[in-house]
């Protein structure tokens, strides 16, 4: 039994070790089983820019791969504080309009 993994662009962009592995071995890699693939992903994540992991292919995925090496993209992680920033702006901080929410609450525009 083998477990075929394809490296997704998100993993290459987020983790330099993944990029080096792709340059050396290509975008697909075959393992004995999923456990071996996950161990490889863990090894690539040690001390890396961003962690990577194995995501199983969807049952409806008609490709020949069993899983994908993936990572969350940096720009998504950079937005972690976006909700708090928006909330501060709506309260009147960060150069927001302090009366805007009150106007809507009172039926104004």
N, C-alpha and C. Protein backbone atom coordinates (compact mmCIF):
# COMPACT_ATOMS: atom_id res chain seq x y z
N UNK A 1 0.85 -1.19 0.00
CA UNK A 1 0.00 0.00 0.00
C UNK A 1 0.89 1.24 0.00
N UNK A 2 0.50 2.25 -0.77
CA UNK A 2 1.25 3.50 -0.78
C UNK A 2 0.30 4.67 -0.58
N UNK A 3 0.87 5.77 -0.17
CA UNK A 3 0.10 6.99 0.09
C UNK A 3 0.78 8.12 -0.68
N UNK A 4 0.11 8.63 -1.71
CA UNK A 4 0.66 9.66 -2.58
C UNK A 4 0.22 11.04 -2.12
N UNK A 5 1.19 11.93 -1.92
CA UNK A 5 0.94 13.29 -1.44
C UNK A 5 1.38 14.29 -2.50
N UNK A 6 0.53 15.29 -2.73
CA UNK A 6 0.88 16.40 -3.61
C UNK A 6 1.05 17.65 -2.76
N UNK A 7 2.10 18.39 -3.03
CA UNK A 7 2.37 19.63 -2.30
C UNK A 7 1.57 20.76 -2.93
N UNK A 8 0.75 21.42 -2.13
CA UNK A 8 -0.04 22.56 -2.61
C UNK A 8 0.80 23.84 -2.55
N UNK A 9 0.50 24.81 -3.41
CA UNK A 9 1.24 26.07 -3.40
C UNK A 9 1.24 26.77 -2.04
N UNK A 10 0.17 26.64 -1.27
CA UNK A 10 0.12 27.29 0.05
C UNK A 10 1.25 26.80 0.94
N UNK A 11 1.56 25.52 0.87
CA UNK A 11 2.64 24.96 1.69
C UNK A 11 4.00 25.47 1.22
N UNK A 12 4.18 25.57 -0.08
CA UNK A 12 5.46 26.07 -0.61
C UNK A 12 5.69 27.52 -0.23
N UNK A 13 4.63 28.32 -0.28
CA UNK A 13 4.76 29.75 0.02
C UNK A 13 5.00 30.00 1.51
N UNK A 14 4.42 29.16 2.35
CA UNK A 14 4.46 29.39 3.79
C UNK A 14 5.68 28.80 4.46
N UNK A 15 6.35 27.86 3.83
CA UNK A 15 7.39 27.10 4.51
C UNK A 15 8.57 26.88 3.56
N UNK A 16 9.71 27.47 3.90
CA UNK A 16 10.89 27.38 3.03
C UNK A 16 11.38 25.95 2.88
N UNK A 17 11.29 25.13 3.93
CA UNK A 17 11.73 23.74 3.84
C UNK A 17 10.91 22.97 2.80
N UNK A 18 9.64 23.28 2.69
CA UNK A 18 8.79 22.64 1.69
C UNK A 18 9.25 23.06 0.30
N UNK A 19 9.54 24.33 0.11
CA UNK A 19 10.03 24.81 -1.18
C UNK A 19 11.30 24.09 -1.60
N UNK A 20 12.22 23.90 -0.66
CA UNK A 20 13.47 23.19 -0.97
C UNK A 20 13.18 21.72 -1.32
N UNK A 21 12.25 21.09 -0.61
CA UNK A 21 11.89 19.70 -0.89
C UNK A 21 11.28 19.57 -2.29
N UNK A 22 10.48 20.54 -2.70
CA UNK A 22 9.87 20.51 -4.03
C UNK A 22 10.95 20.68 -5.11
N UNK A 23 11.88 21.58 -4.88
CA UNK A 23 12.97 21.76 -5.85
C UNK A 23 13.79 20.49 -5.99
N UNK A 24 13.99 19.81 -4.88
CA UNK A 24 14.81 18.61 -4.88
C UNK A 24 14.07 17.38 -5.43
N UNK A 25 12.77 17.21 -5.01
CA UNK A 25 12.06 15.95 -5.29
C UNK A 25 10.78 16.10 -6.11
N UNK A 26 10.36 17.33 -6.44
CA UNK A 26 9.13 17.52 -7.19
C UNK A 26 7.93 17.76 -6.28
N UNK A 27 6.76 17.95 -6.89
CA UNK A 27 5.56 18.32 -6.13
C UNK A 27 4.79 17.11 -5.61
N UNK A 28 5.16 15.91 -5.99
CA UNK A 28 4.49 14.71 -5.48
C UNK A 28 5.50 13.80 -4.81
N UNK A 29 5.03 13.17 -3.73
CA UNK A 29 5.91 12.27 -2.99
C UNK A 29 5.09 11.07 -2.51
N UNK A 30 5.67 9.89 -2.62
CA UNK A 30 4.98 8.67 -2.24
C UNK A 30 5.53 8.14 -0.91
N UNK A 31 4.61 7.71 -0.04
CA UNK A 31 4.95 7.18 1.28
C UNK A 31 4.31 5.81 1.44
N UNK A 32 4.77 5.08 2.44
CA UNK A 32 4.21 3.77 2.72
C UNK A 32 2.78 3.85 3.24
N UNK A 33 2.50 4.90 4.02
CA UNK A 33 1.15 5.09 4.57
C UNK A 33 1.00 6.55 5.01
N UNK A 34 -0.19 6.88 5.48
CA UNK A 34 -0.45 8.26 5.88
C UNK A 34 0.43 8.67 7.07
N UNK A 35 0.67 7.76 7.97
CA UNK A 35 1.52 8.06 9.13
C UNK A 35 2.91 8.52 8.71
N UNK A 36 3.48 7.88 7.71
CA UNK A 36 4.79 8.29 7.21
C UNK A 36 4.73 9.68 6.57
N UNK A 37 3.63 9.96 5.87
CA UNK A 37 3.46 11.28 5.27
C UNK A 37 3.33 12.35 6.35
N UNK A 38 2.58 12.05 7.41
CA UNK A 38 2.43 13.01 8.50
C UNK A 38 3.75 13.23 9.24
N UNK A 39 4.54 12.19 9.39
CA UNK A 39 5.86 12.35 10.01
C UNK A 39 6.74 13.27 9.16
N UNK A 40 6.66 13.13 7.84
CA UNK A 40 7.41 14.01 6.92
C UNK A 40 6.96 15.46 7.10
N UNK A 41 5.65 15.66 7.16
CA UNK A 41 5.12 17.02 7.34
C UNK A 41 5.56 17.60 8.68
N UNK A 42 5.55 16.79 9.73
CA UNK A 42 6.01 17.26 11.04
C UNK A 42 7.48 17.67 10.98
N UNK A 43 8.29 16.89 10.27
CA UNK A 43 9.71 17.21 10.13
C UNK A 43 9.92 18.52 9.38
N UNK A 44 9.10 18.78 8.38
CA UNK A 44 9.20 20.04 7.64
C UNK A 44 8.75 21.23 8.48
N UNK A 45 7.89 20.99 9.45
CA UNK A 45 7.33 22.07 10.26
C UNK A 45 8.24 22.46 11.42
N UNK A 46 9.18 21.64 11.77
CA UNK A 46 10.07 21.92 12.89
C UNK A 46 10.94 23.14 12.58
N UNK A 47 10.76 24.21 13.36
CA UNK A 47 11.54 25.42 13.17
C UNK A 47 11.22 26.16 11.89
N UNK A 48 10.09 25.88 11.30
CA UNK A 48 9.74 26.46 10.00
C UNK A 48 9.01 27.79 10.16
N UNK A 49 8.88 28.48 9.02
CA UNK A 49 8.12 29.73 9.01
C UNK A 49 6.68 29.49 9.44
N UNK A 50 6.03 28.56 8.81
CA UNK A 50 4.64 28.20 9.11
C UNK A 50 4.53 26.67 9.10
N UNK A 51 3.70 26.12 9.97
CA UNK A 51 3.54 24.66 9.97
C UNK A 51 2.80 24.17 8.73
N UNK A 52 3.09 22.94 8.36
CA UNK A 52 2.39 22.29 7.26
C UNK A 52 1.83 20.98 7.78
N UNK A 53 0.82 20.46 7.10
CA UNK A 53 0.20 19.21 7.52
C UNK A 53 -0.38 18.50 6.32
N UNK A 54 -0.75 17.25 6.54
CA UNK A 54 -1.35 16.43 5.49
C UNK A 54 -2.87 16.55 5.59
N UNK A 55 -3.49 16.91 4.48
CA UNK A 55 -4.95 17.00 4.39
C UNK A 55 -5.40 15.92 3.42
N UNK A 56 -6.25 15.01 3.89
CA UNK A 56 -6.72 13.92 3.03
C UNK A 56 -7.50 14.47 1.84
N UNK A 57 -7.32 13.85 0.71
CA UNK A 57 -8.08 14.23 -0.48
C UNK A 57 -9.55 13.90 -0.25
N UNK A 58 -10.41 14.74 -0.76
CA UNK A 58 -11.86 14.52 -0.66
C UNK A 58 -12.23 13.26 -1.44
N UNK A 59 -13.20 12.49 -0.94
CA UNK A 59 -13.60 11.28 -1.67
C UNK A 59 -14.02 11.54 -3.12
N UNK A 60 -14.55 12.72 -3.41
CA UNK A 60 -14.96 13.04 -4.78
C UNK A 60 -13.80 13.56 -5.63
N UNK A 61 -12.63 13.74 -5.02
CA UNK A 61 -11.44 14.19 -5.75
C UNK A 61 -11.02 13.08 -6.71
N UNK A 62 -11.04 13.36 -8.00
CA UNK A 62 -10.74 12.31 -8.98
C UNK A 62 -9.26 12.23 -9.35
N UNK A 63 -8.41 12.95 -8.63
CA UNK A 63 -6.97 12.85 -8.90
C UNK A 63 -6.44 11.55 -8.28
N UNK A 64 -5.23 11.22 -8.60
CA UNK A 64 -4.65 9.97 -8.09
C UNK A 64 -4.00 10.13 -6.72
N UNK A 65 -3.99 11.34 -6.16
CA UNK A 65 -3.34 11.55 -4.87
C UNK A 65 -4.28 11.16 -3.73
N UNK A 66 -3.64 10.76 -2.62
CA UNK A 66 -4.38 10.39 -1.42
C UNK A 66 -4.50 11.56 -0.45
N UNK A 67 -3.55 12.49 -0.53
CA UNK A 67 -3.57 13.63 0.37
C UNK A 67 -2.74 14.78 -0.18
N UNK A 68 -2.86 15.90 0.50
CA UNK A 68 -2.16 17.11 0.08
C UNK A 68 -1.37 17.67 1.26
N UNK A 69 -0.18 18.19 0.98
CA UNK A 69 0.58 18.92 1.98
C UNK A 69 0.13 20.37 1.88
N UNK A 70 -0.42 20.91 2.95
CA UNK A 70 -1.02 22.24 2.91
C UNK A 70 -0.53 23.08 4.08
N UNK A 71 -0.79 24.38 4.00
CA UNK A 71 -0.55 25.33 5.08
C UNK A 71 -1.48 26.50 4.89
N UNK A 72 -1.78 27.15 5.97
CA UNK A 72 -2.58 28.37 5.88
C UNK A 72 -1.69 29.46 5.31
N UNK A 73 -2.24 30.27 4.41
CA UNK A 73 -1.45 31.33 3.79
C UNK A 73 -1.17 32.45 4.78
N UNK A 74 -0.03 33.08 4.62
CA UNK A 74 0.41 34.14 5.53
C UNK A 74 -0.62 35.26 5.64
N UNK A 75 -1.22 35.68 4.52
CA UNK A 75 -2.12 36.81 4.59
C UNK A 75 -3.35 36.50 5.46
N UNK A 76 -3.77 35.25 5.52
CA UNK A 76 -4.88 34.91 6.39
C UNK A 76 -4.47 35.05 7.85
N UNK A 77 -3.26 34.64 8.18
CA UNK A 77 -2.78 34.76 9.56
C UNK A 77 -2.58 36.21 9.95
N UNK A 78 -2.20 37.06 9.01
CA UNK A 78 -1.98 38.46 9.31
C UNK A 78 -3.28 39.19 9.63
N UNK A 79 -4.41 38.59 9.31
CA UNK A 79 -5.70 39.22 9.57
C UNK A 79 -6.28 38.81 10.92
N UNK A 80 -5.52 38.09 11.75
CA UNK A 80 -6.04 37.63 13.03
C UNK A 80 -6.61 38.75 13.88
N UNK A 81 -6.02 39.93 13.86
CA UNK A 81 -6.49 41.04 14.67
C UNK A 81 -7.48 41.94 13.96
N UNK A 82 -7.92 41.58 12.77
CA UNK A 82 -8.79 42.45 11.99
C UNK A 82 -10.11 42.72 12.70
N UNK A 83 -10.69 41.74 13.35
CA UNK A 83 -11.96 41.94 14.02
C UNK A 83 -11.82 43.01 15.11
N UNK A 84 -10.77 42.91 15.92
CA UNK A 84 -10.57 43.88 16.99
C UNK A 84 -10.34 45.28 16.43
N UNK A 85 -9.61 45.38 15.33
CA UNK A 85 -9.36 46.69 14.73
C UNK A 85 -10.67 47.30 14.24
N UNK A 86 -11.52 46.49 13.60
CA UNK A 86 -12.80 47.00 13.11
C UNK A 86 -13.68 47.43 14.29
N UNK A 87 -13.68 46.64 15.35
CA UNK A 87 -14.49 46.97 16.52
C UNK A 87 -14.04 48.30 17.13
N UNK A 88 -12.73 48.52 17.22
CA UNK A 88 -12.22 49.80 17.75
C UNK A 88 -12.63 50.95 16.85
N UNK A 89 -12.55 50.74 15.53
CA UNK A 89 -12.91 51.80 14.59
C UNK A 89 -14.39 52.16 14.74
N UNK A 90 -15.25 51.15 14.89
CA UNK A 90 -16.68 51.41 15.01
C UNK A 90 -17.02 52.07 16.35
N UNK A 91 -16.18 51.90 17.35
CA UNK A 91 -16.40 52.57 18.64
C UNK A 91 -15.92 54.01 18.62
N UNK A 92 -15.22 54.40 17.55
CA UNK A 92 -14.77 55.77 17.46
C UNK A 92 -13.27 55.93 17.48
N UNK A 93 -12.53 54.87 17.73
CA UNK A 93 -11.08 54.93 17.69
C UNK A 93 -10.60 54.75 16.27
N UNK A 94 -9.32 54.82 16.05
CA UNK A 94 -8.71 54.61 14.74
C UNK A 94 -9.32 55.49 13.66
N UNK A 95 -9.62 56.74 13.97
CA UNK A 95 -10.15 57.71 13.02
C UNK A 95 -11.53 57.32 12.47
N UNK A 96 -12.27 56.53 13.22
CA UNK A 96 -13.62 56.17 12.78
C UNK A 96 -14.59 57.28 13.13
N UNK A 97 -15.84 57.13 12.72
CA UNK A 97 -16.88 58.10 13.00
C UNK A 97 -17.57 57.70 14.30
N UNK A 98 -17.33 58.42 15.40
CA UNK A 98 -17.86 57.98 16.69
C UNK A 98 -19.38 57.98 16.76
N UNK A 99 -20.07 58.73 15.96
CA UNK A 99 -21.52 58.78 16.04
C UNK A 99 -22.22 57.83 15.10
N UNK A 100 -21.50 57.13 14.30
CA UNK A 100 -22.09 56.30 13.24
C UNK A 100 -23.00 55.20 13.79
N UNK A 101 -22.57 54.46 14.77
CA UNK A 101 -23.40 53.38 15.31
C UNK A 101 -24.63 53.94 16.01
N UNK A 102 -24.48 55.06 16.73
CA UNK A 102 -25.62 55.66 17.43
C UNK A 102 -26.67 56.15 16.43
N UNK A 103 -26.23 56.67 15.31
CA UNK A 103 -27.16 57.16 14.29
C UNK A 103 -28.00 56.01 13.76
N UNK A 104 -27.39 54.86 13.53
CA UNK A 104 -28.15 53.71 13.05
C UNK A 104 -29.08 53.17 14.13
N UNK A 105 -28.64 53.19 15.38
CA UNK A 105 -29.46 52.68 16.47
C UNK A 105 -30.70 53.54 16.66
N UNK A 106 -30.60 54.84 16.38
CA UNK A 106 -31.73 55.75 16.54
C UNK A 106 -32.58 55.84 15.28
N UNK A 107 -32.27 55.05 14.25
CA UNK A 107 -33.03 55.07 13.02
C UNK A 107 -32.54 56.08 12.01
N UNK A 108 -31.44 56.77 12.31
CA UNK A 108 -30.89 57.75 11.38
C UNK A 108 -30.05 57.08 10.32
N UNK A 109 -29.52 57.88 9.40
CA UNK A 109 -28.70 57.32 8.32
C UNK A 109 -27.28 57.72 8.49
